[in-house]
Amino acid sequence: LDEAVASVVVDVSGRPHFEFDGEFSQDEVGEMTSHMAQHFLRSLAMNAGLTLHAGVSGENAHHEIEALFKGLARALDDATRVDERRSDVASTKGEL
């Protein structure tokens, strides 16, 4: 991660939406274009029915992408974990 910081928020809502805030510092990481990471996140959100907001900043695209995917893993873990303190669905609409 080093100098990179990312923010990822996920809602497993069945209402797909994707927002991305930030620019990658380089166009390519190895043989992959940096924007493929953003494309992957958008495709995941649209096809899995997620609302996904992601943002990144840094000075090295490899670190920025690494931070995004670590943030995604944690956000998905939190969004899919059952909270035993709740007796209802964690949604203002009453369903997911």
PDB file of N, CA and C in Angstrom:
ATOM      1  N   LEU A   1       0.819  -1.196   0.000  1.00  0.00           N
ATOM      2  CA  LEU A   1       0.000   0.000   0.000  1.00  0.00           C
ATOM      3  C   LEU A   1       0.860   1.256   0.000  1.00  0.00           C
ATOM      4  N   ASP A   2       1.825   1.298   0.845  1.00  0.00           N
ATOM      5  CA  ASP A   2       2.737   2.432   0.950  1.00  0.00           C
ATOM      6  C   ASP A   2       1.994   3.767   0.979  1.00  0.00           C
ATOM      7  N   GLU A   3       2.142   4.581  -0.056  1.00  0.00           N
ATOM      8  CA  GLU A   3       1.584   5.936  -0.054  1.00  0.00           C
ATOM      9  C   GLU A   3       0.128   5.987  -0.508  1.00  0.00           C
ATOM     10  N   ALA A   4      -0.412   4.896  -1.010  1.00  0.00           N
ATOM     11  CA  ALA A   4      -1.768   4.887  -1.574  1.00  0.00           C
ATOM     12  C   ALA A   4      -2.824   4.751  -0.480  1.00  0.00           C
ATOM     13  N   VAL A   5      -3.955   5.372  -0.723  1.00  0.00           N
ATOM     14  CA  VAL A   5      -5.100   5.230   0.175  1.00  0.00           C
ATOM     15  C   VAL A   5      -6.350   5.026  -0.679  1.00  0.00           C
ATOM     16  N   ALA A   6      -7.214   4.125  -0.214  1.00  0.00           N
ATOM     17  CA  ALA A   6      -8.445   3.836  -0.951  1.00  0.00           C
ATOM     18  C   ALA A   6      -9.611   3.782   0.022  1.00  0.00           C
ATOM     19  N   SER A   7     -10.774   4.092  -0.494  1.00  0.00           N
ATOM     20  CA  SER A   7     -12.012   3.985   0.260  1.00  0.00           C
ATOM     21  C   SER A   7     -12.992   3.186  -0.590  1.00  0.00           C
ATOM     22  N   VAL A   8     -13.583   2.151   0.009  1.00  0.00           N
ATOM     23  CA  VAL A   8     -14.564   1.334  -0.709  1.00  0.00           C
ATOM     24  C   VAL A   8     -15.755   1.096   0.216  1.00  0.00           C
ATOM     25  N   VAL A   9     -16.941   1.416  -0.280  1.00  0.00           N
ATOM     26  CA  VAL A   9     -18.176   1.205   0.468  1.00  0.00           C
ATOM     27  C   VAL A   9     -19.095   0.362  -0.400  1.00  0.00           C
ATOM     28  N   VAL A  10     -19.667  -0.696   0.194  1.00  0.00           N
ATOM     29  CA  VAL A  10     -20.522  -1.622  -0.547  1.00  0.00           C
ATOM     30  C   VAL A  10     -21.858  -1.765   0.172  1.00  0.00           C
ATOM     31  N   ASP A  11     -22.930  -1.760  -0.614  1.00  0.00           N
ATOM     32  CA  ASP A  11     -24.263  -2.076  -0.113  1.00  0.00           C
ATOM     33  C   ASP A  11     -24.808  -3.196  -0.984  1.00  0.00           C
ATOM     34  N   VAL A  12     -25.130  -4.324  -0.350  1.00  0.00           N
ATOM     35  CA  VAL A  12     -25.687  -5.467  -1.073  1.00  0.00           C
ATOM     36  C   VAL A  12     -27.197  -5.239  -1.134  1.00  0.00           C
ATOM     37  N   SER A  13     -27.605  -4.433  -2.083  1.00  0.00           N
ATOM     38  CA  SER A  13     -28.972  -3.921  -2.107  1.00  0.00           C
ATOM     39  C   SER A  13     -29.826  -4.472  -3.240  1.00  0.00           C
ATOM     40  N   GLY A  14     -29.196  -5.053  -4.232  1.00  0.00           N
ATOM     41  CA  GLY A  14     -29.940  -5.442  -5.416  1.00  0.00           C
ATOM     42  C   GLY A  14     -30.207  -4.267  -6.343  1.00  0.00           C
ATOM     43  N   ARG A  15     -29.665  -3.109  -5.986  1.00  0.00           N
ATOM     44  CA  ARG A  15     -29.823  -1.906  -6.812  1.00  0.00           C
ATOM     45  C   ARG A  15     -28.438  -1.488  -7.289  1.00  0.00           C
ATOM     46  N   PRO A  16     -28.001  -2.003  -8.431  1.00  0.00           N
ATOM     47  CA  PRO A  16     -26.628  -1.752  -8.882  1.00  0.00           C
ATOM     48  C   PRO A  16     -26.348  -0.287  -9.192  1.00  0.00           C
ATOM     49  N   HIS A  17     -25.229   0.164  -8.674  1.00  0.00           N
ATOM     50  CA  HIS A  17     -24.770   1.526  -8.924  1.00  0.00           C
ATOM     51  C   HIS A  17     -23.276   1.544  -8.653  1.00  0.00           C
ATOM     52  N   PHE A  18     -22.536   2.340  -9.427  1.00  0.00           N
ATOM     53  CA  PHE A  18     -21.088   2.428  -9.241  1.00  0.00           C
ATOM     54  C   PHE A  18     -20.633   3.872  -9.341  1.00  0.00           C
ATOM     55  N   GLU A  19     -19.812   4.280  -8.396  1.00  0.00           N
ATOM     56  CA  GLU A  19     -19.173   5.597  -8.407  1.00  0.00           C
ATOM     57  C   GLU A  19     -17.689   5.399  -8.148  1.00  0.00           C
ATOM     58  N   PHE A  20     -16.863   6.123  -8.886  1.00  0.00           N
ATOM     59  CA  PHE A  20     -15.411   6.051  -8.690  1.00  0.00           C
ATOM     60  C   PHE A  20     -14.860   7.461  -8.621  1.00  0.00           C
ATOM     61  N   ASP A  21     -14.083   7.718  -7.585  1.00  0.00           N
ATOM     62  CA  ASP A  21     -13.479   9.030  -7.396  1.00  0.00           C
ATOM     63  C   ASP A  21     -11.968   8.857  -7.339  1.00  0.00           C
ATOM     64  N   GLY A  22     -11.273   9.448  -8.264  1.00  0.00           N
ATOM     65  CA  GLY A  22      -9.816   9.373  -8.269  1.00  0.00           C
ATOM     66  C   GLY A  22      -9.279   9.115  -9.660  1.00  0.00           C
ATOM     67  N   GLU A  23      -7.998   9.236  -9.776  1.00  0.00           N
ATOM     68  CA  GLU A  23      -7.281   8.968 -11.023  1.00  0.00           C
ATOM     69  C   GLU A  23      -6.069   8.113 -10.695  1.00  0.00           C
ATOM     70  N   PHE A  24      -5.792   7.150 -11.546  1.00  0.00           N
ATOM     71  CA  PHE A  24      -4.585   6.347 -11.362  1.00  0.00           C
ATOM     72  C   PHE A  24      -3.373   7.154 -11.799  1.00  0.00           C
ATOM     73  N   SER A  25      -2.288   6.993 -11.081  1.00  0.00           N
ATOM     74  CA  SER A  25      -1.094   7.807 -11.339  1.00  0.00           C
ATOM     75  C   SER A  25      -0.319   7.348 -12.571  1.00  0.00           C
ATOM     76  N   GLN A  26      -0.500   6.101 -12.989  1.00  0.00           N
ATOM     77  CA  GLN A  26       0.102   5.606 -14.229  1.00  0.00           C
ATOM     78  C   GLN A  26      -0.983   4.910 -15.049  1.00  0.00           C
ATOM     79  N   ASP A  27      -0.791   4.875 -16.359  1.00  0.00           N
ATOM     80  CA  ASP A  27      -1.770   4.245 -17.249  1.00  0.00           C
ATOM     81  C   ASP A  27      -1.682   2.730 -17.251  1.00  0.00           C
ATOM     82  N   GLU A  28      -0.519   2.187 -16.903  1.00  0.00           N
ATOM     83  CA  GLU A  28      -0.332   0.736 -16.955  1.00  0.00           C
ATOM     84  C   GLU A  28       0.383   0.236 -15.715  1.00  0.00           C
ATOM     85  N   VAL A  29       0.023  -0.991 -15.334  1.00  0.00           N
ATOM     86  CA  VAL A  29       0.722  -1.729 -14.283  1.00  0.00           C
ATOM     87  C   VAL A  29       1.109  -3.053 -14.918  1.00  0.00           C
ATOM     88  N   GLY A  30       2.390  -3.229 -15.174  1.00  0.00           N
ATOM     89  CA  GLY A  30       2.812  -4.406 -15.924  1.00  0.00           C
ATOM     90  C   GLY A  30       2.197  -4.365 -17.305  1.00  0.00           C
ATOM     91  N   GLU A  31       1.481  -5.428 -17.661  1.00  0.00           N
ATOM     92  CA  GLU A  31       0.841  -5.497 -18.977  1.00  0.00           C
ATOM     93  C   GLU A  31      -0.639  -5.115 -18.931  1.00  0.00           C
ATOM     94  N   MET A  32      -1.123  -4.702 -17.763  1.00  0.00           N
ATOM     95  CA  MET A  32      -2.535  -4.360 -17.604  1.00  0.00           C
ATOM     96  C   MET A  32      -2.709  -2.842 -17.555  1.00  0.00           C
ATOM     97  N   THR A  33      -3.723  -2.343 -18.251  1.00  0.00           N
ATOM     98  CA  THR A  33      -4.023  -0.919 -18.116  1.00  0.00           C
ATOM     99  C   THR A  33      -4.673  -0.693 -16.751  1.00  0.00           C
ATOM    100  N   SER A  34      -4.323   0.388 -16.121  1.00  0.00           N
ATOM    101  CA  SER A  34      -4.830   0.693 -14.778  1.00  0.00           C
ATOM    102  C   SER A  34      -6.348   0.773 -14.748  1.00  0.00           C
ATOM    103  N   HIS A  35      -6.940   1.257 -15.819  1.00  0.00           N
ATOM    104  CA  HIS A  35      -8.388   1.442 -15.839  1.00  0.00           C
ATOM    105  C   HIS A  35      -9.158   0.126 -15.885  1.00  0.00           C
ATOM    106  N   MET A  36      -8.472  -0.991 -16.093  1.00  0.00           N
ATOM    107  CA  MET A  36      -9.144  -2.290 -16.017  1.00  0.00           C
ATOM    108  C   MET A  36      -9.604  -2.570 -14.589  1.00  0.00           C
ATOM    109  N   ALA A  37      -8.910  -2.029 -13.600  1.00  0.00           N
ATOM    110  CA  ALA A  37      -9.342  -2.190 -12.206  1.00  0.00           C
ATOM    111  C   ALA A  37     -10.691  -1.501 -12.007  1.00  0.00           C
ATOM    112  N   GLN A  38     -10.826  -0.295 -12.523  1.00  0.00           N
ATOM    113  CA  GLN A  38     -12.090   0.432 -12.435  1.00  0.00           C
ATOM    114  C   GLN A  38     -13.178  -0.306 -13.215  1.00  0.00           C
ATOM    115  N   HIS A  39     -12.845  -0.830 -14.379  1.00  0.00           N
ATOM    116  CA  HIS A  39     -13.797  -1.600 -15.187  1.00  0.00           C
ATOM    117  C   HIS A  39     -14.266  -2.839 -14.420  1.00  0.00           C
ATOM    118  N   PHE A  40     -13.337  -3.522 -13.756  1.00  0.00           N
ATOM    119  CA  PHE A  40     -13.702  -4.702 -12.969  1.00  0.00           C
ATOM    120  C   PHE A  40     -14.691  -4.329 -11.867  1.00  0.00           C
ATOM    121  N   LEU A  41     -14.402  -3.260 -11.139  1.00  0.00           N
ATOM    122  CA  LEU A  41     -15.283  -2.849 -10.043  1.00  0.00           C
ATOM    123  C   LEU A  41     -16.676  -2.489 -10.556  1.00  0.00           C
ATOM    124  N   ARG A  42     -16.744  -1.764 -11.677  1.00  0.00           N
ATOM    125  CA  ARG A  42     -18.041  -1.418 -12.272  1.00  0.00           C
ATOM    126  C   ARG A  42     -18.796  -2.683 -12.693  1.00  0.00           C
ATOM    127  N   SER A  43     -18.109  -3.604 -13.342  1.00  0.00           N
ATOM    128  CA  SER A  43     -18.745  -4.847 -13.789  1.00  0.00           C
ATOM    129  C   SER A  43     -19.241  -5.666 -12.606  1.00  0.00           C
ATOM    130  N   LEU A  44     -18.446  -5.726 -11.545  1.00  0.00           N
ATOM    131  CA  LEU A  44     -18.857  -6.442 -10.337  1.00  0.00           C
ATOM    132  C   LEU A  44     -20.128  -5.824  -9.764  1.00  0.00           C
ATOM    133  N   ALA A  45     -20.146  -4.521  -9.624  1.00  0.00           N
ATOM    134  CA  ALA A  45     -21.316  -3.842  -9.061  1.00  0.00           C
ATOM    135  C   ALA A  45     -22.562  -4.098  -9.901  1.00  0.00           C
ATOM    136  N   MET A  46     -22.459  -3.939 -11.197  1.00  0.00           N
ATOM    137  CA  MET A  46     -23.617  -4.078 -12.078  1.00  0.00           C
ATOM    138  C   MET A  46     -24.131  -5.516 -12.122  1.00  0.00           C
ATOM    139  N   ASN A  47     -23.233  -6.486 -12.149  1.00  0.00           N
ATOM    140  CA  ASN A  47     -23.643  -7.880 -12.295  1.00  0.00           C
ATOM    141  C   ASN A  47     -23.999  -8.555 -10.980  1.00  0.00           C
ATOM    142  N   ALA A  48     -23.495  -8.037  -9.861  1.00  0.00           N
ATOM    143  CA  ALA A  48     -23.816  -8.615  -8.552  1.00  0.00           C
ATOM    144  C   ALA A  48     -24.922  -7.837  -7.848  1.00  0.00           C
ATOM    145  N   GLY A  49     -25.402  -6.763  -8.454  1.00  0.00           N
ATOM    146  CA  GLY A  49     -26.459  -5.967  -7.846  1.00  0.00           C
ATOM    147  C   GLY A  49     -25.994  -5.194  -6.622  1.00  0.00           C
ATOM    148  N   LEU A  50     -24.769  -4.702  -6.669  1.00  0.00           N
ATOM    149  CA  LEU A  50     -24.197  -3.965  -5.543  1.00  0.00           C
ATOM    150  C   LEU A  50     -24.236  -2.467  -5.807  1.00  0.00           C
ATOM    151  N   THR A  51     -24.376  -1.697  -4.753  1.00  0.00           N
ATOM    152  CA  THR A  51     -24.040  -0.288  -4.810  1.00  0.00           C
ATOM    153  C   THR A  51     -22.613  -0.207  -4.304  1.00  0.00           C
ATOM    154  N   LEU A  52     -21.715   0.318  -5.121  1.00  0.00           N
ATOM    155  CA  LEU A  52     -20.293   0.319  -4.795  1.00  0.00           C
ATOM    156  C   LEU A  52     -19.718   1.706  -5.063  1.00  0.00           C
ATOM    157  N   HIS A  53     -19.185   2.303  -4.024  1.00  0.00           N
ATOM    158  CA  HIS A  53     -18.495   3.588  -4.131  1.00  0.00           C
ATOM    159  C   HIS A  53     -17.032   3.334  -3.820  1.00  0.00           C
ATOM    160  N   ALA A  54     -16.140   3.765  -4.702  1.00  0.00           N
ATOM    161  CA  ALA A  54     -14.706   3.559  -4.500  1.00  0.00           C
ATOM    162  C   ALA A  54     -13.951   4.830  -4.846  1.00  0.00           C
ATOM    163  N   GLY A  55     -12.886   5.052  -4.121  1.00  0.00           N
ATOM    164  CA  GLY A  55     -12.017   6.188  -4.392  1.00  0.00           C
ATOM    165  C   GLY A  55     -10.590   5.819  -4.072  1.00  0.00           C
ATOM    166  N   VAL A  56      -9.655   6.460  -4.758  1.00  0.00           N
ATOM    167  CA  VAL A  56      -8.248   6.129  -4.547  1.00  0.00           C
ATOM    168  C   VAL A  56      -7.379   7.343  -4.824  1.00  0.00           C
ATOM    169  N   SER A  57      -6.254   7.403  -4.119  1.00  0.00           N
ATOM    170  CA  SER A  57      -5.227   8.395  -4.425  1.00  0.00           C
ATOM    171  C   SER A  57      -3.877   7.801  -4.056  1.00  0.00           C
ATOM    172  N   GLY A  58      -2.858   8.291  -4.700  1.00  0.00           N
ATOM    173  CA  GLY A  58      -1.507   7.810  -4.427  1.00  0.00           C
ATOM    174  C   GLY A  58      -0.547   8.275  -5.492  1.00  0.00           C
ATOM    175  N   GLU A  59       0.622   7.665  -5.497  1.00  0.00           N
ATOM    176  CA  GLU A  59       1.665   8.039  -6.454  1.00  0.00           C
ATOM    177  C   GLU A  59       2.140   6.864  -7.297  1.00  0.00           C
ATOM    178  N   ASN A  60       1.578   5.672  -7.050  1.00  0.00           N
ATOM    179  CA  ASN A  60       2.001   4.474  -7.760  1.00  0.00           C
ATOM    180  C   ASN A  60       0.755   3.655  -8.062  1.00  0.00           C
ATOM    181  N   ALA A  61       0.466   3.433  -9.338  1.00  0.00           N
ATOM    182  CA  ALA A  61      -0.767   2.746  -9.735  1.00  0.00           C
ATOM    183  C   ALA A  61      -0.849   1.335  -9.165  1.00  0.00           C
ATOM    184  N   HIS A  62       0.272   0.640  -9.061  1.00  0.00           N
ATOM    185  CA  HIS A  62       0.269  -0.704  -8.473  1.00  0.00           C
ATOM    186  C   HIS A  62      -0.248  -0.633  -7.034  1.00  0.00           C
ATOM    187  N   HIS A  63       0.242   0.318  -6.263  1.00  0.00           N
ATOM    188  CA  HIS A  63      -0.195   0.469  -4.875  1.00  0.00           C
ATOM    189  C   HIS A  63      -1.647   0.919  -4.798  1.00  0.00           C
ATOM    190  N   GLU A  64      -2.068   1.775  -5.715  1.00  0.00           N
ATOM    191  CA  GLU A  64      -3.450   2.253  -5.732  1.00  0.00           C
ATOM    192  C   GLU A  64      -4.417   1.097  -5.987  1.00  0.00           C
ATOM    193  N   ILE A  65      -4.093   0.251  -6.954  1.00  0.00           N
ATOM    194  CA  ILE A  65      -4.954  -0.893  -7.270  1.00  0.00           C
ATOM    195  C   ILE A  65      -4.951  -1.889  -6.118  1.00  0.00           C
ATOM    196  N   GLU A  66      -3.795  -2.121  -5.535  1.00  0.00           N
ATOM    197  CA  GLU A  66      -3.699  -3.008  -4.372  1.00  0.00           C
ATOM    198  C   GLU A  66      -4.585  -2.496  -3.236  1.00  0.00           C
ATOM    199  N   ALA A  67      -4.529  -1.211  -2.962  1.00  0.00           N
ATOM    200  CA  ALA A  67      -5.351  -0.618  -1.901  1.00  0.00           C
ATOM    201  C   ALA A  67      -6.842  -0.758  -2.214  1.00  0.00           C
ATOM    202  N   LEU A  68      -7.225  -0.564  -3.474  1.00  0.00           N
ATOM    203  CA  LEU A  68      -8.632  -0.718  -3.869  1.00  0.00           C
ATOM    204  C   LEU A  68      -9.140  -2.125  -3.595  1.00  0.00           C
ATOM    205  N   PHE A  69      -8.366  -3.129  -3.976  1.00  0.00           N
ATOM    206  CA  PHE A  69      -8.834  -4.504  -3.817  1.00  0.00           C
ATOM    207  C   PHE A  69      -8.804  -4.959  -2.364  1.00  0.00           C
ATOM    208  N   LYS A  70      -7.870  -4.467  -1.576  1.00  0.00           N
ATOM    209  CA  LYS A  70      -7.901  -4.759  -0.139  1.00  0.00           C
ATOM    210  C   LYS A  70      -9.123  -4.104   0.495  1.00  0.00           C
ATOM    211  N   GLY A  71      -9.422  -2.877   0.082  1.00  0.00           N
ATOM    212  CA  GLY A  71     -10.618  -2.201   0.576  1.00  0.00           C
ATOM    213  C   GLY A  71     -11.889  -2.909   0.151  1.00  0.00           C
ATOM    214  N   LEU A  72     -11.921  -3.395  -1.089  1.00  0.00           N
ATOM    215  CA  LEU A  72     -13.077  -4.139  -1.585  1.00  0.00           C
ATOM    216  C   LEU A  72     -13.303  -5.400  -0.761  1.00  0.00           C
ATOM    217  N   ALA A  73     -12.243  -6.129  -0.470  1.00  0.00           N
ATOM    218  CA  ALA A  73     -12.362  -7.361   0.317  1.00  0.00           C
ATOM    219  C   ALA A  73     -12.963  -7.074   1.691  1.00  0.00           C
ATOM    220  N   ARG A  74     -12.475  -6.038   2.341  1.00  0.00           N
ATOM    221  CA  ARG A  74     -12.992  -5.697   3.674  1.00  0.00           C
ATOM    222  C   ARG A  74     -14.440  -5.206   3.600  1.00  0.00           C
ATOM    223  N   ALA A  75     -14.753  -4.406   2.594  1.00  0.00           N
ATOM    224  CA  ALA A  75     -16.114  -3.883   2.461  1.00  0.00           C
ATOM    225  C   ALA A  75     -17.110  -5.006   2.179  1.00  0.00           C
ATOM    226  N   LEU A  76     -16.736  -5.951   1.317  1.00  0.00           N
ATOM    227  CA  LEU A  76     -17.616  -7.090   1.034  1.00  0.00           C
ATOM    228  C   LEU A  76     -17.791  -7.963   2.267  1.00  0.00           C
ATOM    229  N   ASP A  77     -16.721  -8.156   3.016  1.00  0.00           N
ATOM    230  CA  ASP A  77     -16.808  -8.944   4.244  1.00  0.00           C
ATOM    231  C   ASP A  77     -17.782  -8.288   5.219  1.00  0.00           C
ATOM    232  N   ASP A  78     -17.642  -6.995   5.418  1.00  0.00           N
ATOM    233  CA  ASP A  78     -18.545  -6.276   6.327  1.00  0.00           C
ATOM    234  C   ASP A  78     -19.988  -6.294   5.828  1.00  0.00           C
ATOM    235  N   ALA A  79     -20.182  -6.116   4.528  1.00  0.00           N
ATOM    236  CA  ALA A  79     -21.533  -6.029   3.962  1.00  0.00           C
ATOM    237  C   ALA A  79     -22.277  -7.358   3.996  1.00  0.00           C
ATOM    238  N   THR A  80     -21.551  -8.461   4.046  1.00  0.00           N
ATOM    239  CA  THR A  80     -22.200  -9.774   4.003  1.00  0.00           C
ATOM    240  C   THR A  80     -22.194 -10.488   5.348  1.00  0.00           C
ATOM    241  N   ARG A  81     -21.640  -9.863   6.356  1.00  0.00           N
ATOM    242  CA  ARG A  81     -21.579 -10.471   7.689  1.00  0.00           C
ATOM    243  C   ARG A  81     -22.921 -10.289   8.396  1.00  0.00           C
ATOM    244  N   VAL A  82     -23.400 -11.357   9.035  1.00  0.00           N
ATOM    245  CA  VAL A  82     -24.626 -11.297   9.816  1.00  0.00           C
ATOM    246  C   VAL A  82     -24.306 -10.637  11.157  1.00  0.00           C
ATOM    247  N   ASP A  83     -25.070  -9.621  11.489  1.00  0.00           N
ATOM    248  CA  ASP A  83     -24.909  -8.925  12.764  1.00  0.00           C
ATOM    249  C   ASP A  83     -25.908  -9.522  13.747  1.00  0.00           C
ATOM    250  N   GLU A  84     -25.408 -10.292  14.694  1.00  0.00           N
ATOM    251  CA  GLU A  84     -26.281 -10.996  15.634  1.00  0.00           C
ATOM    252  C   GLU A  84     -27.025 -10.050  16.572  1.00  0.00           C
ATOM    253  N   ARG A  85     -26.632  -8.786  16.604  1.00  0.00           N
ATOM    254  CA  ARG A  85     -27.342  -7.810  17.442  1.00  0.00           C
ATOM    255  C   ARG A  85     -28.657  -7.385  16.808  1.00  0.00           C
ATOM    256  N   ARG A  86     -28.822  -7.667  15.534  1.00  0.00           N
ATOM    257  CA  ARG A  86     -30.039  -7.258  14.821  1.00  0.00           C
ATOM    258  C   ARG A  86     -30.987  -8.439  14.697  1.00  0.00           C
ATOM    259  N   SER A  87     -32.267  -8.162  14.806  1.00  0.00           N
ATOM    260  CA  SER A  87     -33.267  -9.207  14.590  1.00  0.00           C
ATOM    261  C   SER A  87     -33.962  -9.027  13.245  1.00  0.00           C
ATOM    262  N   ASP A  88     -33.601  -7.951  12.542  1.00  0.00           N
ATOM    263  CA  ASP A  88     -34.221  -7.669  11.254  1.00  0.00           C
ATOM    264  C   ASP A  88     -33.143  -7.473  10.192  1.00  0.00           C
ATOM    265  N   VAL A  89     -33.584  -7.223   8.995  1.00  0.00           N
ATOM    266  CA  VAL A  89     -32.673  -6.990   7.881  1.00  0.00           C
ATOM    267  C   VAL A  89     -32.087  -5.586   7.999  1.00  0.00           C
ATOM    268  N   ALA A  90     -30.804  -5.471   7.729  1.00  0.00           N
ATOM    269  CA  ALA A  90     -30.120  -4.171   7.825  1.00  0.00           C
ATOM    270  C   ALA A  90     -30.425  -3.317   6.598  1.00  0.00           C
ATOM    271  N   SER A  91     -31.683  -2.916   6.472  1.00  0.00           N
ATOM    272  CA  SER A  91     -32.114  -2.111   5.335  1.00  0.00           C
ATOM    273  C   SER A  91     -33.273  -1.221   5.759  1.00  0.00           C
ATOM    274  N   THR A  92     -33.262   0.012   5.314  1.00  0.00           N
ATOM    275  CA  THR A  92     -34.382   0.906   5.622  1.00  0.00           C
ATOM    276  C   THR A  92     -35.640   0.496   4.872  1.00  0.00           C
ATOM    277  N   LYS A  93     -35.492  -0.293   3.812  1.00  0.00           N
ATOM    278  CA  LYS A  93     -36.638  -0.749   3.030  1.00  0.00           C
ATOM    279  C   LYS A  93     -37.180  -2.083   3.550  1.00  0.00           C
ATOM    280  N   GLY A  94     -36.468  -2.717   4.500  1.00  0.00           N
ATOM    281  CA  GLY A  94     -36.942  -3.960   5.085  1.00  0.00           C
ATOM    282  C   GLY A  94     -36.564  -5.208   4.324  1.00  0.00           C
ATOM    283  N   GLU A  95     -35.866  -5.061   3.223  1.00  0.00           N
ATOM    284  CA  GLU A  95     -35.421  -6.227   2.450  1.00  0.00           C
ATOM    285  C   GLU A  95     -34.158  -5.882   1.684  1.00  0.00           C
ATOM    286  N   LEU A  96     -33.430  -6.915   1.316  1.00  0.00           N
ATOM    287  CA  LEU A  96     -32.226  -6.733   0.500  1.00  0.00           C
ATOM    288  C   LEU A  96     -32.499  -7.187  -0.909  1.00  0.00           C
TER     289      LEU A  96
END
